[in-house]
Protein backbone atom coordinates (compact mmCIF):
# COMPACT_ATOMS: atom_id res chain seq x y z
CA MET A 1 0.00 0.00 0.00
CA THR A 2 1.11 3.58 -0.68
CA THR A 3 2.60 5.65 2.14
CA PHE A 4 1.78 9.35 2.12
CA TRP A 5 1.03 12.36 4.28
CA LEU A 6 -2.44 13.92 4.28
CA THR A 7 -1.46 17.47 5.10
CA ASN A 8 -3.35 20.54 6.32
CA VAL A 9 -6.22 18.51 7.75
CA ARG A 10 -8.74 20.20 10.02
CA LEU A 11 -9.39 18.10 13.13
CA GLU A 12 -11.77 18.80 15.96
CA LYS A 13 -9.78 19.57 19.11
CA GLY A 14 -12.39 20.24 21.80
CA PHE A 15 -15.28 22.48 22.81
CA LYS A 16 -15.11 26.16 23.66
CA TYR A 17 -17.25 27.07 26.68
CA GLU A 18 -19.08 30.26 27.58
CA ASN A 19 -20.93 30.50 30.90
CA GLU A 20 -20.29 26.77 31.39
CA ARG A 21 -22.08 25.96 28.15
CA ILE A 22 -20.60 24.70 24.90
CA ALA A 23 -20.45 27.66 22.54
CA ALA A 24 -18.32 26.36 19.68
CA THR A 25 -16.02 23.61 18.50
CA GLU A 26 -12.30 24.30 18.47
CA THR A 27 -10.27 22.82 15.63
CA GLU A 28 -6.61 22.58 14.67
CA ILE A 29 -4.68 21.95 11.49
CA CYS A 30 -2.73 18.68 11.55
CA HIS A 31 -0.85 16.34 9.23
CA LEU A 32 -1.63 12.62 9.13
CA LYS A 33 0.79 9.95 7.97
CA ILE A 34 -0.93 7.07 6.20
CA GLU A 35 0.85 3.72 6.00
CA GLY A 36 -0.55 0.29 5.22
CA GLY A 37 -4.07 1.69 5.13
CA LYS A 38 -3.84 3.06 8.67
CA ILE A 39 -3.10 6.36 10.38
CA THR A 40 0.38 5.96 11.83
CA GLU A 41 1.12 9.53 12.91
CA ILE A 42 -0.80 12.71 13.73
CA THR A 43 1.33 15.81 14.14
CA SER A 44 1.31 19.59 13.82
CA GLU A 45 4.87 19.50 12.46
CA SER A 46 5.17 19.74 8.68
CA PRO A 47 6.49 16.55 7.05
CA ASN A 48 9.69 16.46 5.03
CA LEU A 49 9.34 17.86 1.54
CA GLY A 50 10.74 14.66 0.04
CA GLU A 51 7.79 12.56 1.28
CA LYS A 52 4.61 12.09 -0.77
CA GLN A 53 1.93 14.54 0.31
CA VAL A 54 -1.75 15.15 -0.42
CA ASP A 55 -3.02 18.60 0.58
CA ALA A 56 -6.40 18.57 2.37
CA LYS A 57 -6.59 22.37 2.06
CA GLN A 58 -7.79 22.74 5.67
CA GLN A 59 -10.98 20.79 5.01
CA LEU A 60 -12.59 18.98 7.94
CA LEU A 61 -11.78 15.31 8.38
CA LEU A 62 -14.68 13.12 9.52
CA PRO A 63 -15.26 9.35 9.71
CA SER A 64 -16.82 7.99 6.53
CA LEU A 65 -20.51 7.12 6.37
CA ARG A 66 -22.53 3.90 6.54
CA ASP A 67 -25.95 3.42 4.93
CA MET A 68 -27.56 0.63 6.93
CA HIS A 69 -30.76 0.19 4.92
CA ILE A 70 -31.02 0.44 1.15
CA HIS A 71 -32.34 -1.69 -1.74
CA ILE A 72 -29.84 -1.36 -4.57
CA ASP A 73 -31.34 -4.27 -6.51
CA LYS A 74 -34.56 -2.55 -7.57
CA THR A 75 -34.41 1.07 -8.59
CA TYR A 76 -35.19 3.52 -11.36
CA TYR A 77 -31.92 5.33 -10.60
CA GLY A 78 -29.75 5.65 -13.69
CA GLY A 79 -32.74 5.48 -16.01
CA PRO A 80 -35.67 7.68 -17.03
CA TRP A 81 -37.68 9.50 -14.35
CA LYS A 82 -40.83 7.79 -13.17
CA ALA A 83 -43.08 8.75 -10.25
CA CYS A 84 -45.01 6.28 -8.11
CA THR A 85 -48.54 5.08 -8.72
CA PRO A 86 -51.11 5.70 -5.94
CA ILE A 87 -51.37 3.09 -3.18
CA THR A 88 -54.80 1.43 -2.98
CA LYS A 89 -54.07 -1.70 -0.93
CA GLY A 90 -51.25 -0.59 1.36
CA ILE A 91 -48.02 -2.57 1.04
CA PHE A 92 -49.80 -5.15 -1.11
CA THR A 93 -50.21 -2.60 -3.92
CA ARG A 94 -46.44 -2.48 -4.26
CA LEU A 95 -46.06 -6.24 -3.99
CA GLU A 96 -48.46 -6.74 -6.90
CA GLU A 97 -46.53 -4.17 -8.93
CA GLU A 98 -43.28 -6.04 -8.34
CA LYS A 99 -44.58 -9.19 -9.96
CA VAL A 100 -44.60 -7.28 -13.26
CA LEU A 101 -41.82 -4.79 -12.59
CA LEU A 102 -38.92 -6.94 -11.32
CA PRO A 103 -38.52 -9.04 -14.50
CA LYS A 104 -38.52 -5.82 -16.55
CA LEU A 105 -35.80 -4.26 -14.38
CA LEU A 106 -33.62 -7.36 -14.26
CA PRO A 107 -31.61 -6.73 -17.48
CA THR A 108 -30.31 -3.44 -16.02
CA ALA A 109 -30.31 -4.45 -12.32
CA GLN A 110 -26.54 -4.79 -11.98
CA GLU A 111 -25.82 -1.63 -13.98
CA ARG A 112 -28.19 0.45 -11.85
CA ALA A 113 -26.90 -1.09 -8.64
CA GLU A 114 -23.40 -0.02 -9.63
CA LYS A 115 -24.61 3.51 -10.31
CA MET A 116 -26.21 3.63 -6.87
CA ILE A 117 -22.93 2.47 -5.33
CA GLU A 118 -21.21 5.30 -7.19
CA LEU A 119 -23.74 7.74 -5.73
CA TYR A 120 -22.98 6.46 -2.24
CA ILE A 121 -19.25 6.83 -2.80
CA ARG A 122 -19.66 10.43 -3.96
CA ASN A 123 -21.62 11.08 -0.79
CA GLY A 124 -18.93 9.72 1.51
CA HIS A 125 -19.99 6.13 2.21
CA THR A 126 -17.64 3.18 2.70
CA HIS A 127 -20.23 0.71 3.98
CA ILE A 128 -23.62 -0.35 2.61
CA ARG A 129 -26.18 -2.78 4.00
CA THR A 130 -28.51 -3.61 1.15
CA HIS A 131 -31.70 -5.67 1.26
CA CYS A 132 -32.14 -7.79 -1.85
CA ASN A 133 -35.40 -9.27 -3.10
CA VAL A 134 -35.54 -13.06 -2.93
CA ASP A 135 -38.97 -14.25 -4.00
CA PRO A 136 -40.70 -16.60 -6.47
CA VAL A 137 -40.95 -13.82 -9.06
CA ILE A 138 -37.23 -13.09 -9.37
CA GLY A 139 -35.69 -16.06 -7.57
CA LEU A 140 -31.98 -15.45 -6.91
CA LYS A 141 -31.42 -13.31 -10.01
CA ASN A 142 -31.50 -9.96 -8.17
CA LEU A 143 -29.12 -11.41 -5.61
CA GLU A 144 -26.71 -12.42 -8.35
CA ALA A 145 -26.81 -8.89 -9.81
CA THR A 146 -26.29 -7.36 -6.36
CA VAL A 147 -23.34 -9.61 -5.50
CA ASN A 148 -21.70 -8.94 -8.87
CA ALA A 149 -22.12 -5.17 -8.47
CA LEU A 150 -20.72 -5.05 -4.95
CA LYS A 151 -17.76 -7.29 -5.75
CA LYS A 152 -16.56 -4.64 -8.22
CA TYR A 153 -16.23 -2.22 -5.30
CA GLU A 154 -14.69 -4.48 -2.66
CA ASP A 155 -11.48 -2.44 -2.76
CA VAL A 156 -13.27 0.76 -1.72
CA LEU A 157 -16.10 -0.31 0.59
CA THR A 158 -17.50 -3.04 2.81
CA TYR A 159 -21.03 -4.36 2.52
CA GLU A 160 -23.73 -6.65 3.85
CA ILE A 161 -26.51 -8.27 1.82
CA VAL A 162 -29.83 -9.14 3.46
CA ALA A 163 -31.79 -11.97 1.82
CA PHE A 164 -35.14 -10.19 1.79
CA PRO A 165 -38.44 -12.07 1.19
CA GLN A 166 -40.27 -8.90 0.15
CA HIS A 167 -43.45 -10.77 -0.76
CA GLY A 168 -43.57 -12.54 2.60
CA LEU A 169 -41.44 -15.44 3.79
CA LEU A 170 -44.50 -17.65 4.36
CA ARG A 171 -46.99 -15.81 2.18
CA SER A 172 -44.92 -16.38 -0.96
CA ASP A 173 -43.48 -19.74 0.11
CA SER A 174 -39.92 -18.41 -0.05
CA VAL A 175 -38.33 -20.39 2.78
CA GLN A 176 -36.18 -22.58 0.53
CA LEU A 177 -35.24 -19.59 -1.62
CA ILE A 178 -33.93 -17.75 1.44
CA ARG A 179 -31.96 -20.84 2.44
CA ASP A 180 -30.50 -20.93 -1.06
CA ALA A 181 -29.70 -17.21 -0.90
CA MET A 182 -27.62 -17.76 2.23
CA LYS A 183 -25.42 -20.10 0.21
CA ASN A 184 -25.09 -17.65 -2.67
CA GLY A 185 -23.79 -14.39 -1.24
CA ALA A 186 -26.36 -13.18 1.28
CA THR A 187 -24.88 -12.35 4.68
CA LEU A 188 -28.01 -11.69 6.76
CA VAL A 189 -31.49 -13.24 6.91
CA GLY A 190 -34.34 -10.81 6.30
CA GLY A 191 -38.07 -10.71 6.84
CA VAL A 192 -41.04 -8.38 6.61
CA ASP A 193 -44.01 -7.81 8.92
CA PRO A 194 -44.63 -11.32 10.29
CA ALA A 195 -48.13 -10.23 11.34
CA THR A 196 -49.45 -8.19 8.42
CA VAL A 197 -47.71 -9.93 5.54
CA ASP A 198 -47.09 -13.48 6.77
CA ARG A 199 -50.15 -13.53 9.07
CA ASN A 200 -48.26 -15.73 11.53
CA ILE A 201 -45.86 -13.96 13.88
CA GLU A 202 -44.54 -17.05 15.61
CA LYS A 203 -43.95 -19.25 12.57
CA SER A 204 -42.47 -16.41 10.55
CA LEU A 205 -40.00 -15.35 13.25
CA ALA A 206 -39.15 -18.93 14.18
CA THR A 207 -38.29 -19.71 10.55
CA ILE A 208 -36.19 -16.55 10.08
CA PHE A 209 -34.11 -17.31 13.17
CA GLU A 210 -33.86 -20.99 12.29
CA ILE A 211 -32.30 -20.12 8.93
CA ALA A 212 -29.97 -17.63 10.63
CA VAL A 213 -28.75 -20.25 13.11
CA GLU A 214 -28.26 -22.81 10.33
CA ASN A 215 -25.92 -20.38 8.59
CA ASP A 216 -24.42 -18.67 11.66
CA LYS A 217 -25.69 -15.30 10.42
CA GLY A 218 -27.58 -12.37 11.90
CA VAL A 219 -31.05 -11.10 11.01
CA ASP A 220 -32.53 -7.80 9.85
CA ILE A 221 -36.33 -7.63 9.75
CA HIS A 222 -38.59 -4.93 8.28
CA LEU A 223 -41.22 -4.09 10.93
CA HIS A 224 -43.75 -1.50 9.78
CA ASP A 225 -46.75 -2.47 11.92
CA PRO A 226 -47.74 0.35 14.32
CA ASN A 227 -48.95 0.57 17.90
CA THR A 228 -49.54 -2.59 19.96
CA LEU A 229 -49.18 -4.99 17.04
CA GLY A 230 -45.75 -3.60 16.29
CA THR A 231 -44.60 -3.56 19.91
CA PHE A 232 -45.75 -7.14 20.43
CA THR A 233 -43.70 -8.16 17.39
CA PHE A 234 -40.64 -6.43 18.90
CA GLU A 235 -41.11 -8.46 22.08
CA ARG A 236 -41.36 -11.71 20.15
CA MET A 237 -38.32 -10.82 18.05
CA ALA A 238 -36.34 -10.22 21.25
CA HIS A 239 -37.52 -13.61 22.52
CA TYR A 240 -36.37 -15.42 19.39
CA THR A 241 -33.07 -13.52 19.42
CA GLU A 242 -32.37 -14.84 22.91
CA GLN A 243 -33.57 -18.34 22.06
CA ALA A 244 -31.35 -18.48 18.97
CA GLY A 245 -28.27 -17.16 20.80
CA LEU A 246 -28.07 -14.18 18.41
CA LYS A 247 -27.70 -11.44 21.01
CA GLY A 248 -26.17 -8.40 19.33
CA ARG A 249 -26.78 -9.80 15.85
CA ALA A 250 -30.39 -8.74 15.17
CA THR A 251 -31.69 -5.51 13.66
CA ILE A 252 -35.16 -3.99 13.56
CA SER A 253 -35.58 -2.04 10.33
CA HIS A 254 -38.01 0.90 10.49
CA GLY A 255 -39.53 -0.12 13.85
CA ILE A 256 -42.51 2.15 13.17
CA ALA A 257 -44.28 1.26 16.45
CA LEU A 258 -41.46 2.86 18.45
CA GLY A 259 -42.85 6.17 17.25
CA ASP A 260 -46.13 5.34 18.96
CA LEU A 261 -44.57 4.80 22.39
CA SER A 262 -43.74 7.33 25.09
CA GLY A 263 -43.06 7.52 28.81
CA GLU A 264 -42.76 4.29 30.78
CA ALA A 265 -43.93 2.16 27.83
CA LEU A 266 -40.96 3.38 25.77
CA VAL A 267 -38.53 2.83 28.67
CA GLU A 268 -39.80 -0.74 29.12
CA MET A 269 -39.52 -1.50 25.42
CA ALA A 270 -36.00 -0.06 25.29
CA ALA A 271 -35.03 -2.36 28.15
CA ILE A 272 -36.31 -5.38 26.21
CA LEU A 273 -34.34 -4.38 23.11
CA ARG A 274 -31.25 -3.50 25.12
CA GLU A 275 -31.23 -6.85 26.89
CA GLN A 276 -30.70 -8.64 23.57
CA GLU A 277 -28.65 -5.80 22.06
CA LEU A 278 -31.13 -5.28 19.25
CA ASP A 279 -30.35 -2.22 17.15
CA VAL A 280 -32.75 -0.15 15.07
CA THR A 281 -32.36 1.36 11.61
CA THR A 282 -34.61 4.22 10.50
CA THR A 283 -35.15 6.39 7.45
CA VAL A 284 -36.28 9.29 9.67
CA PRO A 285 -39.77 9.41 8.14
CA VAL A 286 -41.60 12.73 8.02
CA ASN A 287 -45.04 11.40 7.07
CA ARG A 288 -45.78 9.84 10.50
CA PRO A 289 -44.41 9.98 14.07
CA THR A 290 -40.67 9.35 13.76
CA ILE A 291 -39.17 6.85 16.17
CA PRO A 292 -37.76 8.80 19.18
CA ILE A 293 -34.10 8.62 18.13
CA PRO A 294 -32.51 10.85 20.82
CA THR A 295 -34.48 9.08 23.58
CA LEU A 296 -33.53 5.64 22.29
CA ASP A 297 -29.91 6.78 22.23
CA LYS A 298 -30.11 7.89 25.87
CA LEU A 299 -31.66 4.51 26.71
CA ALA A 300 -28.65 2.79 25.07
CA VAL A 301 -30.52 1.37 22.07
CA PRO A 302 -28.24 1.80 19.01
CA VAL A 303 -29.87 3.64 16.10
CA SER A 304 -28.55 3.99 12.56
CA VAL A 305 -29.96 5.59 9.43
CA GLY A 306 -30.62 4.42 5.90
CA HIS A 307 -32.34 5.70 2.78
CA ASP A 308 -34.43 2.59 2.00
CA SER A 309 -34.98 3.55 -1.62
CA ILE A 310 -33.69 5.96 -4.22
CA THR A 311 -36.29 6.71 -6.85
CA ASP A 312 -38.08 3.40 -7.26
CA HIS A 313 -41.70 2.25 -7.37
CA TRP A 314 -41.96 2.61 -3.57
CA SER A 315 -40.78 6.22 -3.31
CA PRO A 316 -39.32 8.91 -5.60
CA PHE A 317 -37.64 10.86 -2.77
CA GLY A 318 -34.37 9.13 -1.82
CA THR A 319 -31.08 10.98 -2.31
CA GLY A 320 -28.34 8.68 -1.01
CA ASN A 321 -26.97 11.70 0.87
CA THR A 322 -26.64 10.71 4.51
CA ILE A 323 -25.36 14.12 5.61
CA GLN A 324 -28.65 15.56 4.35
CA LYS A 325 -30.52 12.78 6.14
CA LEU A 326 -28.74 13.61 9.40
CA GLY A 327 -29.61 17.27 8.93
CA THR A 328 -33.27 16.29 8.62
CA LEU A 329 -32.91 14.21 11.79
CA ALA A 330 -31.50 17.21 13.65
CA GLU A 331 -34.33 19.45 12.44
CA ARG A 332 -36.96 16.83 13.26
CA PHE A 333 -35.82 16.64 16.89
CA ARG A 334 -34.87 20.33 17.23
CA LEU A 335 -31.21 19.59 17.82
CA SER A 336 -29.73 23.00 17.12
CA ASP A 337 -27.01 23.62 19.72
CA GLU A 338 -23.34 22.94 19.02
CA TYR A 339 -23.04 19.73 21.03
CA SER A 340 -26.31 18.14 19.91
CA LEU A 341 -25.56 18.80 16.25
CA SER A 342 -22.10 17.29 16.59
CA THR A 343 -23.48 14.09 18.13
CA VAL A 344 -25.95 13.53 15.26
CA LEU A 345 -23.04 12.36 13.11
CA LYS A 346 -22.87 9.05 14.99
CA TYR A 347 -26.16 7.84 13.51
CA GLY A 348 -24.45 7.72 10.12
CA THR A 349 -20.99 6.47 11.11
CA GLY A 350 -21.66 3.42 13.26
CA GLY A 351 -21.45 5.43 16.46
CA ILE A 352 -18.24 7.35 15.76
CA THR A 353 -17.92 11.09 16.48
CA PRO A 354 -14.65 13.08 16.67
CA LEU A 355 -15.33 14.35 20.21
CA ASN A 356 -16.94 12.70 23.24
CA GLU A 357 -19.29 14.39 25.72
CA LYS A 358 -16.27 15.68 27.67
CA GLY A 359 -14.90 17.41 24.61
CA GLU A 360 -12.02 14.94 24.28
CA ARG A 361 -10.88 13.80 20.87
CA VAL A 362 -11.77 10.15 20.36
CA TRP A 363 -11.30 10.06 16.58
CA PRO A 364 -9.02 9.89 14.71
CA ASN A 365 -6.30 8.05 16.62
CA VAL A 366 -2.99 6.55 15.59
CA GLY A 367 -3.74 2.98 14.61
CA ASP A 368 -7.19 3.71 13.16
CA ASP A 369 -8.02 2.64 9.62
CA ALA A 370 -7.58 5.58 7.27
CA THR A 371 -11.23 5.26 6.23
CA MET A 372 -12.51 8.83 6.31
CA MET A 373 -13.84 11.76 4.35
CA LEU A 374 -12.99 15.41 3.86
CA VAL A 375 -15.94 17.79 4.00
CA ASN A 376 -16.36 21.49 3.36
CA ALA A 377 -17.17 22.59 6.92
CA SER A 378 -15.48 24.09 9.97
CA CYS A 379 -16.74 21.39 12.37
CA SER A 380 -19.13 18.43 12.49
CA ALA A 381 -21.96 20.59 13.87
CA GLU A 382 -21.76 22.85 10.83
CA ALA A 383 -21.44 19.84 8.52
CA ILE A 384 -24.79 18.53 9.78
CA ALA A 385 -26.67 21.83 10.01
CA ARG A 386 -25.45 23.19 6.68
CA ARG A 387 -25.45 19.83 4.82
CA ALA A 388 -21.75 19.98 3.95
CA THR A 389 -20.48 18.56 0.68
CA VAL A 390 -18.04 15.66 0.61
CA GLU A 391 -14.82 16.72 -1.09
CA ALA A 392 -12.81 13.48 -0.87
CA LEU A 393 -13.21 9.93 0.43
CA PHE A 394 -10.56 7.46 1.59
CA PHE A 395 -10.91 3.73 2.24
CA LYS A 396 -8.07 2.18 4.22
CA GLY A 397 -5.75 4.88 2.93
CA LYS A 398 -6.86 4.62 -0.69
CA LYS A 399 -8.53 7.64 -2.25
CA VAL A 400 -11.83 6.44 -3.66
CA GLU A 401 -12.40 7.26 -7.31
CA SER A 402 -15.27 6.56 -9.67
CA LYS A 403 -15.20 3.30 -11.60
CA LEU A 404 -17.66 4.54 -14.19
CA THR A 405 -16.51 4.89 -17.80
CA GLU A 406 -17.48 7.81 -19.99
CA THR A 407 -20.03 5.62 -21.78
CA ASN A 408 -21.59 4.50 -18.51
CA GLU A 409 -22.38 7.79 -16.84
CA VAL A 410 -25.20 8.21 -14.35
CA ARG A 411 -28.62 9.41 -15.39
CA VAL A 412 -30.79 10.50 -12.47
């Protein structure tokens, strides 16, 4: 691997206090030595002129981003614009559409997946967790396209692939298909609304966790059901997580019912999730009560963000820009002071922020992977509030560049 100095890097140093309150973030200009894909030195002393140097031009260095919920296998991105049709039967409207749509999209599935990966790279991501349709309509063909697309980018990002029975694990008789998917590139077992879609909470969850145990993999389940139905499903998912010995390896995607809880009910539910180390991924919805992200964080339930879709038949609104998503999160929960804005970053980085609550630098450190991004901002609080642009991305010391050719450019 190449050894070089990343010079004139802006790093967060600590907080400036006024009247015992955090008023601003203090930064300093440093130089980072990158060797073997890691940060091996951080100094304020200028490196020798004879050593290879890359000038960061005093841009802010932040940890790179992680999108923990996206579907890169089915999208209109890269092709002609198309809005959604009206929903008449809830989720089942979209499932009926997919029976016709997925075969039509298949010939360009890998190409569009690659273009979505390119979008994520431009927006500072080095990790993607994608859910991939596995159902009787498309079989394992979308999975094949997804695996092939992601393998092209293994040198610049990490990824996870959820075998996702979008049409219902039981409802569409996809149990064997999911088992097959786990042998063909999928790294997590998925599911969707065991009550509403599969109409059998216990059998659906039991089967999902059975497949996970068979393959020594984790699970990530879409749970959209609201109110008491949703919360009951959370409790049963926690039960099966414990029974399967998958503590810390199960994710609730969306978790809509968490937005319907408050007070002691929310505290009790958080305790159930925390006991089995279940984490939650959200898109920060604005069309219904958003799950209480700051409260869940205080109750030690890990929360991450994802985009879910980027212009597909489910929604035309995705951007793939997690910094924008985090800005929306901050606005949604009225997080406008310096410290609160700076902490929002962790929902998009796997929990990493440059400074801790004491104002001590916790990232970057010597020995860390040089997986990071340069953004046009004075501090992380400004990056979130002002939706900073990503100027450069590094993965284990390698500057990430586009793999697209001139004849394969993105069409939005």
